[in-house]
Amino acid sequence: LVQLVTLIRMGIPTDPPNEYLVMYESIATFRANEDFLPVMAQLSLD
């Protein structure tokens, strides 16, 4: 229960680092490049 709350809270950081912001903004780039899809799929699975 503690782990679940921690996971959820840390998944929405109050002050996200630049890398997080680029990660979300670039989703359209990943969709347009088939070479990227397996990489991002594995990262999501993790």
ModelCIF file with pLDDT and N, C-alpha, C, O atoms, coordinates in Angstrom:
data_MODEL
#
_entry.id   MODEL 
#
_entity.id                         1 
_entity.type                       polymer 
_entity.pdbx_number_of_molecules   1 
#
_entity_poly.entity_id                      1 
_entity_poly.type                           'polypeptide(L)' 
_entity_poly.nstd_linkage                   no 
_entity_poly.nstd_monomer                   no 
_entity_poly.pdbx_seq_one_letter_code       LVQLVTLIRMGIPTDPPNEYLVMYESIATFRANEDFLPVMAQLSLD 
_entity_poly.pdbx_seq_one_letter_code_can   LVQLVTLIRMGIPTDPPNEYLVMYESIATFRANEDFLPVMAQLSLD 
_entity_poly.pdbx_strand_id                 A 
#
loop_
_entity_poly_seq.entity_id 
_entity_poly_seq.num 
_entity_poly_seq.mon_id 
_entity_poly_seq.hetero 
1 1  LEU n 
1 2  VAL n 
1 3  GLN n 
1 4  LEU n 
1 5  VAL n 
1 6  THR n 
1 7  LEU n 
1 8  ILE n 
1 9  ARG n 
1 10 MET n 
1 11 GLY n 
1 12 ILE n 
1 13 PRO n 
1 14 THR n 
1 15 ASP n 
1 16 PRO n 
1 17 PRO n 
1 18 ASN n 
1 19 GLU n 
1 20 TYR n 
1 21 LEU n 
1 22 VAL n 
1 23 MET n 
1 24 TYR n 
1 25 GLU n 
1 26 SER n 
1 27 ILE n 
1 28 ALA n 
1 29 THR n 
1 30 PHE n 
1 31 ARG n 
1 32 ALA n 
1 33 ASN n 
1 34 GLU n 
1 35 ASP n 
1 36 PHE n 
1 37 LEU n 
1 38 PRO n 
1 39 VAL n 
1 40 MET n 
1 41 ALA n 
1 42 GLN n 
1 43 LEU n 
1 44 SER n 
1 45 LEU n 
1 46 ASP n 
#
_struct_asym.id          A 
_struct_asym.entity_id   1 
#
loop_
_ma_qa_metric.id 
_ma_qa_metric.mode 
_ma_qa_metric.name 
_ma_qa_metric.software_group_id 
_ma_qa_metric.type 
1 global pLDDT . pLDDT 
2 local  pLDDT . pLDDT 
#
_ma_qa_metric_global.metric_id      1 
_ma_qa_metric_global.metric_value   86.61 
_ma_qa_metric_global.model_id       1 
_ma_qa_metric_global.ordinal_id     1 
#
loop_
_ma_qa_metric_local.label_asym_id 
_ma_qa_metric_local.label_comp_id 
_ma_qa_metric_local.label_seq_id 
_ma_qa_metric_local.metric_id 
_ma_qa_metric_local.metric_value 
_ma_qa_metric_local.model_id 
_ma_qa_metric_local.ordinal_id 
A LEU 1  2 97.00 1 1  
A VAL 2  2 97.00 1 2  
A GLN 3  2 97.00 1 3  
A LEU 4  2 98.00 1 4  
A VAL 5  2 97.00 1 5  
A THR 6  2 97.00 1 6  
A LEU 7  2 96.00 1 7  
A ILE 8  2 96.00 1 8  
A ARG 9  2 96.00 1 9  
A MET 10 2 94.00 1 10 
A GLY 11 2 92.00 1 11 
A ILE 12 2 91.00 1 12 
A PRO 13 2 88.00 1 13 
A THR 14 2 87.00 1 14 
A ASP 15 2 86.00 1 15 
A PRO 16 2 88.00 1 16 
A PRO 17 2 91.00 1 17 
A ASN 18 2 93.00 1 18 
A GLU 19 2 92.00 1 19 
A TYR 20 2 88.00 1 20 
A LEU 21 2 89.00 1 21 
A VAL 22 2 90.00 1 22 
A MET 23 2 87.00 1 23 
A TYR 24 2 86.00 1 24 
A GLU 25 2 85.00 1 25 
A SER 26 2 83.00 1 26 
A ILE 27 2 79.00 1 27 
A ALA 28 2 71.00 1 28 
A THR 29 2 71.00 1 29 
A PHE 30 2 73.00 1 30 
A ARG 31 2 74.00 1 31 
A ALA 32 2 74.00 1 32 
A ASN 33 2 76.00 1 33 
A GLU 34 2 78.00 1 34 
A ASP 35 2 74.00 1 35 
A PHE 36 2 78.00 1 36 
A LEU 37 2 80.00 1 37 
A PRO 38 2 83.00 1 38 
A VAL 39 2 80.00 1 39 
A MET 40 2 80.00 1 40 
A ALA 41 2 85.00 1 41 
A GLN 42 2 87.00 1 42 
A LEU 43 2 85.00 1 43 
A SER 44 2 88.00 1 44 
A LEU 45 2 94.00 1 45 
A ASP 46 2 93.00 1 46 
#
loop_
_atom_site.group_PDB 
_atom_site.id 
_atom_site.type_symbol 
_atom_site.label_atom_id 
_atom_site.label_alt_id 
_atom_site.label_comp_id 
_atom_site.label_asym_id 
_atom_site.label_entity_id 
_atom_site.label_seq_id 
_atom_site.pdbx_PDB_ins_code 
_atom_site.Cartn_x 
_atom_site.Cartn_y 
_atom_site.Cartn_z 
_atom_site.occupancy 
_atom_site.B_iso_or_equiv 
_atom_site.pdbx_formal_charge 
_atom_site.auth_seq_id 
_atom_site.auth_comp_id 
_atom_site.auth_asym_id 
_atom_site.auth_atom_id 
_atom_site.pdbx_PDB_model_num 
ATOM 1   N N  . LEU A 1 1  ? 0.833  -1.197 0.000   1.00 97.00 ? 1  LEU A N  1 
ATOM 2   C CA . LEU A 1 1  ? 0.000  0.000  0.000   1.00 97.00 ? 1  LEU A CA 1 
ATOM 3   C C  . LEU A 1 1  ? 0.874  1.256  0.000   1.00 97.00 ? 1  LEU A C  1 
ATOM 4   O O  . LEU A 1 1  ? 0.605  2.202  -0.741  1.00 97.00 ? 1  LEU A O  1 
ATOM 5   N N  . VAL A 1 2  ? 1.911  1.263  0.825   1.00 97.00 ? 2  VAL A N  1 
ATOM 6   C CA . VAL A 1 2  ? 2.847  2.392  0.861   1.00 97.00 ? 2  VAL A CA 1 
ATOM 7   C C  . VAL A 1 2  ? 3.549  2.520  -0.489  1.00 97.00 ? 2  VAL A C  1 
ATOM 8   O O  . VAL A 1 2  ? 3.723  3.623  -1.007  1.00 97.00 ? 2  VAL A O  1 
ATOM 9   N N  . GLN A 1 3  ? 3.946  1.390  -1.046  1.00 97.00 ? 3  GLN A N  1 
ATOM 10  C CA . GLN A 1 3  ? 4.637  1.402  -2.337  1.00 97.00 ? 3  GLN A CA 1 
ATOM 11  C C  . GLN A 1 3  ? 3.750  1.963  -3.447  1.00 97.00 ? 3  GLN A C  1 
ATOM 12  O O  . GLN A 1 3  ? 4.215  2.730  -4.290  1.00 97.00 ? 3  GLN A O  1 
ATOM 13  N N  . LEU A 1 4  ? 2.479  1.583  -3.443  1.00 98.00 ? 4  LEU A N  1 
ATOM 14  C CA . LEU A 1 4  ? 1.575  2.056  -4.484  1.00 98.00 ? 4  LEU A CA 1 
ATOM 15  C C  . LEU A 1 4  ? 1.395  3.567  -4.410  1.00 98.00 ? 4  LEU A C  1 
ATOM 16  O O  . LEU A 1 4  ? 1.453  4.244  -5.436  1.00 98.00 ? 4  LEU A O  1 
ATOM 17  N N  . VAL A 1 5  ? 1.182  4.098  -3.233  1.00 97.00 ? 5  VAL A N  1 
ATOM 18  C CA . VAL A 1 5  ? 1.021  5.539  -3.089  1.00 97.00 ? 5  VAL A CA 1 
ATOM 19  C C  . VAL A 1 5  ? 2.303  6.260  -3.508  1.00 97.00 ? 5  VAL A C  1 
ATOM 20  O O  . VAL A 1 5  ? 2.245  7.301  -4.162  1.00 97.00 ? 5  VAL A O  1 
ATOM 21  N N  . THR A 1 6  ? 3.443  5.715  -3.138  1.00 97.00 ? 6  THR A N  1 
ATOM 22  C CA . THR A 1 6  ? 4.728  6.300  -3.529  1.00 97.00 ? 6  THR A CA 1 
ATOM 23  C C  . THR A 1 6  ? 4.874  6.316  -5.045  1.00 97.00 ? 6  THR A C  1 
ATOM 24  O O  . THR A 1 6  ? 5.289  7.320  -5.624  1.00 97.00 ? 6  THR A O  1 
ATOM 25  N N  . LEU A 1 7  ? 4.534  5.206  -5.682  1.00 96.00 ? 7  LEU A N  1 
ATOM 26  C CA . LEU A 1 7  ? 4.667  5.101  -7.129  1.00 96.00 ? 7  LEU A CA 1 
ATOM 27  C C  . LEU A 1 7  ? 3.786  6.125  -7.834  1.00 96.00 ? 7  LEU A C  1 
ATOM 28  O O  . LEU A 1 7  ? 4.215  6.774  -8.788  1.00 96.00 ? 7  LEU A O  1 
ATOM 29  N N  . ILE A 1 8  ? 2.556  6.261  -7.359  1.00 96.00 ? 8  ILE A N  1 
ATOM 30  C CA . ILE A 1 8  ? 1.628  7.221  -7.970  1.00 96.00 ? 8  ILE A CA 1 
ATOM 31  C C  . ILE A 1 8  ? 2.107  8.655  -7.756  1.00 96.00 ? 8  ILE A C  1 
ATOM 32  O O  . ILE A 1 8  ? 2.122  9.456  -8.691  1.00 96.00 ? 8  ILE A O  1 
ATOM 33  N N  . ARG A 1 9  ? 2.492  8.970  -6.543  1.00 96.00 ? 9  ARG A N  1 
ATOM 34  C CA . ARG A 1 9  ? 2.912  10.342 -6.250  1.00 96.00 ? 9  ARG A CA 1 
ATOM 35  C C  . ARG A 1 9  ? 4.164  10.723 -7.046  1.00 96.00 ? 9  ARG A C  1 
ATOM 36  O O  . ARG A 1 9  ? 4.248  11.837 -7.563  1.00 96.00 ? 9  ARG A O  1 
ATOM 37  N N  . MET A 1 10 ? 5.118  9.828  -7.148  1.00 94.00 ? 10 MET A N  1 
ATOM 38  C CA . MET A 1 10 ? 6.354  10.145 -7.856  1.00 94.00 ? 10 MET A CA 1 
ATOM 39  C C  . MET A 1 10 ? 6.172  10.133 -9.373  1.00 94.00 ? 10 MET A C  1 
ATOM 40  O O  . MET A 1 10 ? 7.016  10.650 -10.105 1.00 94.00 ? 10 MET A O  1 
ATOM 41  N N  . GLY A 1 11 ? 5.071  9.545  -9.844  1.00 92.00 ? 11 GLY A N  1 
ATOM 42  C CA . GLY A 1 11 ? 4.800  9.543  -11.277 1.00 92.00 ? 11 GLY A CA 1 
ATOM 43  C C  . GLY A 1 11 ? 4.280  10.878 -11.769 1.00 92.00 ? 11 GLY A C  1 
ATOM 44  O O  . GLY A 1 11 ? 4.232  11.122 -12.975 1.00 92.00 ? 11 GLY A O  1 
ATOM 45  N N  . ILE A 1 12 ? 3.884  11.757 -10.832 1.00 91.00 ? 12 ILE A N  1 
ATOM 46  C CA . ILE A 1 12 ? 3.426  13.101 -11.180 1.00 91.00 ? 12 ILE A CA 1 
ATOM 47  C C  . ILE A 1 12 ? 4.230  14.079 -10.317 1.00 91.00 ? 12 ILE A C  1 
ATOM 48  O O  . ILE A 1 12 ? 3.715  14.591 -9.323  1.00 91.00 ? 12 ILE A O  1 
ATOM 49  N N  . PRO A 1 13 ? 5.470  14.339 -10.684 1.00 88.00 ? 13 PRO A N  1 
ATOM 50  C CA . PRO A 1 13 ? 6.336  15.166 -9.850  1.00 88.00 ? 13 PRO A CA 1 
ATOM 51  C C  . PRO A 1 13 ? 5.888  16.622 -9.806  1.00 88.00 ? 13 PRO A C  1 
ATOM 52  O O  . PRO A 1 13 ? 5.340  17.144 -10.777 1.00 88.00 ? 13 PRO A O  1 
ATOM 53  N N  . THR A 1 14 ? 6.125  17.262 -8.681  1.00 87.00 ? 14 THR A N  1 
ATOM 54  C CA . THR A 1 14 ? 5.772  18.672 -8.522  1.00 87.00 ? 14 THR A CA 1 
ATOM 55  C C  . THR A 1 14 ? 6.645  19.558 -9.399  1.00 87.00 ? 14 THR A C  1 
ATOM 56  O O  . THR A 1 14 ? 6.158  20.518 -9.995  1.00 87.00 ? 14 THR A O  1 
ATOM 57  N N  . ASP A 1 15 ? 7.916  19.243 -9.478  1.00 86.00 ? 15 ASP A N  1 
ATOM 58  C CA . ASP A 1 15 ? 8.861  20.038 -10.272 1.00 86.00 ? 15 ASP A CA 1 
ATOM 59  C C  . ASP A 1 15 ? 9.600  19.092 -11.222 1.00 86.00 ? 15 ASP A C  1 
ATOM 60  O O  . ASP A 1 15 ? 10.744 18.724 -10.956 1.00 86.00 ? 15 ASP A O  1 
ATOM 61  N N  . PRO A 1 16 ? 8.955  18.692 -12.334 1.00 88.00 ? 16 PRO A N  1 
ATOM 62  C CA . PRO A 1 16 ? 9.560  17.696 -13.211 1.00 88.00 ? 16 PRO A CA 1 
ATOM 63  C C  . PRO A 1 16 ? 10.841 18.191 -13.873 1.00 88.00 ? 16 PRO A C  1 
ATOM 64  O O  . PRO A 1 16 ? 10.904 19.346 -14.293 1.00 88.00 ? 16 PRO A O  1 
ATOM 65  N N  . PRO A 1 17 ? 11.857 17.347 -13.974 1.00 91.00 ? 17 PRO A N  1 
ATOM 66  C CA . PRO A 1 17 ? 13.082 17.750 -14.661 1.00 91.00 ? 17 PRO A CA 1 
ATOM 67  C C  . PRO A 1 17 ? 12.820 17.947 -16.154 1.00 91.00 ? 17 PRO A C  1 
ATOM 68  O O  . PRO A 1 17 ? 11.812 17.480 -16.686 1.00 91.00 ? 17 PRO A O  1 
ATOM 69  N N  . ASN A 1 18 ? 13.732 18.638 -16.813 1.00 93.00 ? 18 ASN A N  1 
ATOM 70  C CA . ASN A 1 18 ? 13.561 18.922 -18.239 1.00 93.00 ? 18 ASN A CA 1 
ATOM 71  C C  . ASN A 1 18 ? 13.365 17.661 -19.068 1.00 93.00 ? 18 ASN A C  1 
ATOM 72  O O  . ASN A 1 18 ? 12.600 17.653 -20.033 1.00 93.00 ? 18 ASN A O  1 
ATOM 73  N N  . GLU A 1 19 ? 14.059 16.598 -18.687 1.00 92.00 ? 19 GLU A N  1 
ATOM 74  C CA . GLU A 1 19 ? 13.952 15.361 -19.460 1.00 92.00 ? 19 GLU A CA 1 
ATOM 75  C C  . GLU A 1 19 ? 12.529 14.815 -19.474 1.00 92.00 ? 19 GLU A C  1 
ATOM 76  O O  . GLU A 1 19 ? 12.091 14.256 -20.479 1.00 92.00 ? 19 GLU A O  1 
ATOM 77  N N  . TYR A 1 20 ? 11.806 14.971 -18.372 1.00 88.00 ? 20 TYR A N  1 
ATOM 78  C CA . TYR A 1 20 ? 10.412 14.517 -18.320 1.00 88.00 ? 20 TYR A CA 1 
ATOM 79  C C  . TYR A 1 20 ? 9.558  15.315 -19.308 1.00 88.00 ? 20 TYR A C  1 
ATOM 80  O O  . TYR A 1 20 ? 8.737  14.753 -20.033 1.00 88.00 ? 20 TYR A O  1 
ATOM 81  N N  . LEU A 1 21 ? 9.765  16.632 -19.322 1.00 89.00 ? 21 LEU A N  1 
ATOM 82  C CA . LEU A 1 21 ? 8.952  17.493 -20.173 1.00 89.00 ? 21 LEU A CA 1 
ATOM 83  C C  . LEU A 1 21 ? 9.182  17.183 -21.642 1.00 89.00 ? 21 LEU A C  1 
ATOM 84  O O  . LEU A 1 21 ? 8.236  17.133 -22.428 1.00 89.00 ? 21 LEU A O  1 
ATOM 85  N N  . VAL A 1 22 ? 10.446 16.975 -22.014 1.00 90.00 ? 22 VAL A N  1 
ATOM 86  C CA . VAL A 1 22 ? 10.762 16.611 -23.399 1.00 90.00 ? 22 VAL A CA 1 
ATOM 87  C C  . VAL A 1 22 ? 10.166 15.248 -23.736 1.00 90.00 ? 22 VAL A C  1 
ATOM 88  O O  . VAL A 1 22 ? 9.663  15.036 -24.839 1.00 90.00 ? 22 VAL A O  1 
ATOM 89  N N  . MET A 1 23 ? 10.225 14.342 -22.793 1.00 87.00 ? 23 MET A N  1 
ATOM 90  C CA . MET A 1 23 ? 9.692  12.982 -22.989 1.00 87.00 ? 23 MET A CA 1 
ATOM 91  C C  . MET A 1 23 ? 8.223  13.031 -23.388 1.00 87.00 ? 23 MET A C  1 
ATOM 92  O O  . MET A 1 23 ? 7.815  12.356 -24.333 1.00 87.00 ? 23 MET A O  1 
ATOM 93  N N  . TYR A 1 24 ? 7.440  13.812 -22.687 1.00 86.00 ? 24 TYR A N  1 
ATOM 94  C CA . TYR A 1 24 ? 6.012  13.879 -22.993 1.00 86.00 ? 24 TYR A CA 1 
ATOM 95  C C  . TYR A 1 24 ? 5.734  14.700 -24.253 1.00 86.00 ? 24 TYR A C  1 
ATOM 96  O O  . TYR A 1 24 ? 4.851  14.356 -25.039 1.00 86.00 ? 24 TYR A O  1 
ATOM 97  N N  . GLU A 1 25 ? 6.486  15.785 -24.444 1.00 85.00 ? 25 GLU A N  1 
ATOM 98  C CA . GLU A 1 25 ? 6.239  16.632 -25.608 1.00 85.00 ? 25 GLU A CA 1 
ATOM 99  C C  . GLU A 1 25 ? 6.558  15.913 -26.920 1.00 85.00 ? 25 GLU A C  1 
ATOM 100 O O  . GLU A 1 25 ? 5.965  16.207 -27.958 1.00 85.00 ? 25 GLU A O  1 
ATOM 101 N N  . SER A 1 26 ? 7.491  14.976 -26.863 1.00 83.00 ? 26 SER A N  1 
ATOM 102 C CA . SER A 1 26 ? 7.967  14.343 -28.092 1.00 83.00 ? 26 SER A CA 1 
ATOM 103 C C  . SER A 1 26 ? 7.200  13.084 -28.475 1.00 83.00 ? 26 SER A C  1 
ATOM 104 O O  . SER A 1 26 ? 7.646  12.343 -29.351 1.00 83.00 ? 26 SER A O  1 
ATOM 105 N N  . ILE A 1 27 ? 6.068  12.825 -27.848 1.00 79.00 ? 27 ILE A N  1 
ATOM 106 C CA . ILE A 1 27 ? 5.295  11.622 -28.162 1.00 79.00 ? 27 ILE A CA 1 
ATOM 107 C C  . ILE A 1 27 ? 4.960  11.545 -29.647 1.00 79.00 ? 27 ILE A C  1 
ATOM 108 O O  . ILE A 1 27 ? 5.021  10.467 -30.238 1.00 79.00 ? 27 ILE A O  1 
ATOM 109 N N  . ALA A 1 28 ? 4.605  12.682 -30.260 1.00 71.00 ? 28 ALA A N  1 
ATOM 110 C CA . ALA A 1 28 ? 4.266  12.682 -31.687 1.00 71.00 ? 28 ALA A CA 1 
ATOM 111 C C  . ALA A 1 28 ? 5.468  12.265 -32.530 1.00 71.00 ? 28 ALA A C  1 
ATOM 112 O O  . ALA A 1 28 ? 5.304  11.625 -33.569 1.00 71.00 ? 28 ALA A O  1 
ATOM 113 N N  . THR A 1 29 ? 6.671  12.623 -32.090 1.00 71.00 ? 29 THR A N  1 
ATOM 114 C CA . THR A 1 29 ? 7.880  12.227 -32.817 1.00 71.00 ? 29 THR A CA 1 
ATOM 115 C C  . THR A 1 29 ? 8.027  10.718 -32.821 1.00 71.00 ? 29 THR A C  1 
ATOM 116 O O  . THR A 1 29 ? 8.403  10.129 -33.834 1.00 71.00 ? 29 THR A O  1 
ATOM 117 N N  . PHE A 1 30 ? 7.731  10.089 -31.690 1.00 73.00 ? 30 PHE A N  1 
ATOM 118 C CA . PHE A 1 30 ? 7.869  8.639  -31.592 1.00 73.00 ? 30 PHE A CA 1 
ATOM 119 C C  . PHE A 1 30 ? 6.857  7.933  -32.498 1.00 73.00 ? 30 PHE A C  1 
ATOM 120 O O  . PHE A 1 30 ? 7.175  6.926  -33.131 1.00 73.00 ? 30 PHE A O  1 
ATOM 121 N N  . ARG A 1 31 ? 5.648  8.468  -32.552 1.00 74.00 ? 31 ARG A N  1 
ATOM 122 C CA . ARG A 1 31 ? 4.610  7.857  -33.388 1.00 74.00 ? 31 ARG A CA 1 
ATOM 123 C C  . ARG A 1 31 ? 4.996  7.906  -34.859 1.00 74.00 ? 31 ARG A C  1 
ATOM 124 O O  . ARG A 1 31 ? 4.617  7.023  -35.629 1.00 74.00 ? 31 ARG A O  1 
ATOM 125 N N  . ALA A 1 32 ? 5.746  8.929  -35.258 1.00 74.00 ? 32 ALA A N  1 
ATOM 126 C CA . ALA A 1 32 ? 6.089  9.112  -36.666 1.00 74.00 ? 32 ALA A CA 1 
ATOM 127 C C  . ALA A 1 32 ? 7.343  8.355  -37.076 1.00 74.00 ? 32 ALA A C  1 
ATOM 128 O O  . ALA A 1 32 ? 7.666  8.299  -38.263 1.00 74.00 ? 32 ALA A O  1 
ATOM 129 N N  . ASN A 1 33 ? 8.044  7.780  -36.134 1.00 76.00 ? 33 ASN A N  1 
ATOM 130 C CA . ASN A 1 33 ? 9.299  7.092  -36.445 1.00 76.00 ? 33 ASN A CA 1 
ATOM 131 C C  . ASN A 1 33 ? 9.228  5.659  -35.934 1.00 76.00 ? 33 ASN A C  1 
ATOM 132 O O  . ASN A 1 33 ? 9.289  5.417  -34.729 1.00 76.00 ? 33 ASN A O  1 
ATOM 133 N N  . GLU A 1 34 ? 9.099  4.717  -36.855 1.00 78.00 ? 34 GLU A N  1 
ATOM 134 C CA . GLU A 1 34 ? 8.916  3.316  -36.464 1.00 78.00 ? 34 GLU A CA 1 
ATOM 135 C C  . GLU A 1 34 ? 10.121 2.752  -35.727 1.00 78.00 ? 34 GLU A C  1 
ATOM 136 O O  . GLU A 1 34 ? 9.983  1.802  -34.956 1.00 78.00 ? 34 GLU A O  1 
ATOM 137 N N  . ASP A 1 35 ? 11.293 3.318  -35.951 1.00 74.00 ? 35 ASP A N  1 
ATOM 138 C CA . ASP A 1 35 ? 12.485 2.829  -35.253 1.00 74.00 ? 35 ASP A CA 1 
ATOM 139 C C  . ASP A 1 35 ? 12.409 3.103  -33.763 1.00 74.00 ? 35 ASP A C  1 
ATOM 140 O O  . ASP A 1 35 ? 13.015 2.390  -32.964 1.00 74.00 ? 35 ASP A O  1 
ATOM 141 N N  . PHE A 1 36 ? 11.658 4.145  -33.385 1.00 78.00 ? 36 PHE A N  1 
ATOM 142 C CA . PHE A 1 36 ? 11.577 4.527  -31.984 1.00 78.00 ? 36 PHE A CA 1 
ATOM 143 C C  . PHE A 1 36 ? 10.540 3.708  -31.219 1.00 78.00 ? 36 PHE A C  1 
ATOM 144 O O  . PHE A 1 36 ? 10.639 3.552  -30.001 1.00 78.00 ? 36 PHE A O  1 
ATOM 145 N N  . LEU A 1 37 ? 9.549  3.188  -31.935 1.00 80.00 ? 37 LEU A N  1 
ATOM 146 C CA . LEU A 1 37 ? 8.418  2.561  -31.258 1.00 80.00 ? 37 LEU A CA 1 
ATOM 147 C C  . LEU A 1 37 ? 8.826  1.399  -30.345 1.00 80.00 ? 37 LEU A C  1 
ATOM 148 O O  . LEU A 1 37 ? 8.353  1.340  -29.210 1.00 80.00 ? 37 LEU A O  1 
ATOM 149 N N  . PRO A 1 38 ? 9.693  0.465  -30.796 1.00 83.00 ? 38 PRO A N  1 
ATOM 150 C CA . PRO A 1 38 ? 10.082 -0.632 -29.892 1.00 83.00 ? 38 PRO A CA 1 
ATOM 151 C C  . PRO A 1 38 ? 10.782 -0.132 -28.630 1.00 83.00 ? 38 PRO A C  1 
ATOM 152 O O  . PRO A 1 38 ? 10.599 -0.692 -27.549 1.00 83.00 ? 38 PRO A O  1 
ATOM 153 N N  . VAL A 1 39 ? 11.581 0.919  -28.772 1.00 80.00 ? 39 VAL A N  1 
ATOM 154 C CA . VAL A 1 39 ? 12.291 1.468  -27.615 1.00 80.00 ? 39 VAL A CA 1 
ATOM 155 C C  . VAL A 1 39 ? 11.303 2.019  -26.602 1.00 80.00 ? 39 VAL A C  1 
ATOM 156 O O  . VAL A 1 39 ? 11.384 1.723  -25.410 1.00 80.00 ? 39 VAL A O  1 
ATOM 157 N N  . MET A 1 40 ? 10.363 2.831  -27.096 1.00 80.00 ? 40 MET A N  1 
ATOM 158 C CA . MET A 1 40 ? 9.418  3.450  -26.186 1.00 80.00 ? 40 MET A CA 1 
ATOM 159 C C  . MET A 1 40 ? 8.438  2.424  -25.603 1.00 80.00 ? 40 MET A C  1 
ATOM 160 O O  . MET A 1 40 ? 7.993  2.553  -24.462 1.00 80.00 ? 40 MET A O  1 
ATOM 161 N N  . ALA A 1 41 ? 8.111  1.405  -26.404 1.00 85.00 ? 41 ALA A N  1 
ATOM 162 C CA . ALA A 1 41 ? 7.220  0.355  -25.900 1.00 85.00 ? 41 ALA A CA 1 
ATOM 163 C C  . ALA A 1 41 ? 7.874  -0.378 -24.728 1.00 85.00 ? 41 ALA A C  1 
ATOM 164 O O  . ALA A 1 41 ? 7.208  -0.686 -23.740 1.00 85.00 ? 41 ALA A O  1 
ATOM 165 N N  . GLN A 1 42 ? 9.174  -0.657 -24.835 1.00 87.00 ? 42 GLN A N  1 
ATOM 166 C CA . GLN A 1 42 ? 9.876  -1.349 -23.753 1.00 87.00 ? 42 GLN A CA 1 
ATOM 167 C C  . GLN A 1 42 ? 9.966  -0.477 -22.510 1.00 87.00 ? 42 GLN A C  1 
ATOM 168 O O  . GLN A 1 42 ? 9.816  -0.965 -21.390 1.00 87.00 ? 42 GLN A O  1 
ATOM 169 N N  . LEU A 1 43 ? 10.214 0.824  -22.712 1.00 85.00 ? 43 LEU A N  1 
ATOM 170 C CA . LEU A 1 43 ? 10.303 1.719  -21.567 1.00 85.00 ? 43 LEU A CA 1 
ATOM 171 C C  . LEU A 1 43 ? 8.955  1.823  -20.850 1.00 85.00 ? 43 LEU A C  1 
ATOM 172 O O  . LEU A 1 43 ? 8.903  1.882  -19.622 1.00 85.00 ? 43 LEU A O  1 
ATOM 173 N N  . SER A 1 44 ? 7.866  1.844  -21.623 1.00 88.00 ? 44 SER A N  1 
ATOM 174 C CA . SER A 1 44 ? 6.533  1.871  -21.010 1.00 88.00 ? 44 SER A CA 1 
ATOM 175 C C  . SER A 1 44 ? 6.260  0.577  -20.250 1.00 88.00 ? 44 SER A C  1 
ATOM 176 O O  . SER A 1 44 ? 5.672  0.591  -19.169 1.00 88.00 ? 44 SER A O  1 
ATOM 177 N N  . LEU A 1 45 ? 6.694  -0.542 -20.831 1.00 94.00 ? 45 LEU A N  1 
ATOM 178 C CA . LEU A 1 45 ? 6.503  -1.836 -20.169 1.00 94.00 ? 45 LEU A CA 1 
ATOM 179 C C  . LEU A 1 45 ? 7.254  -1.884 -18.848 1.00 94.00 ? 45 LEU A C  1 
ATOM 180 O O  . LEU A 1 45 ? 6.755  -2.442 -17.871 1.00 94.00 ? 45 LEU A O  1 
ATOM 181 N N  . ASP A 1 46 ? 8.441  -1.309 -18.810 1.00 93.00 ? 46 ASP A N  1 
ATOM 182 C CA . ASP A 1 46 ? 9.211  -1.273 -17.560 1.00 93.00 ? 46 ASP A CA 1 
ATOM 183 C C  . ASP A 1 46 ? 8.432  -0.526 -16.474 1.00 93.00 ? 46 ASP A C  1 
ATOM 184 O O  . ASP A 1 46 ? 8.916  -0.390 -15.351 1.00 93.00 ? 46 ASP A O  1 
#
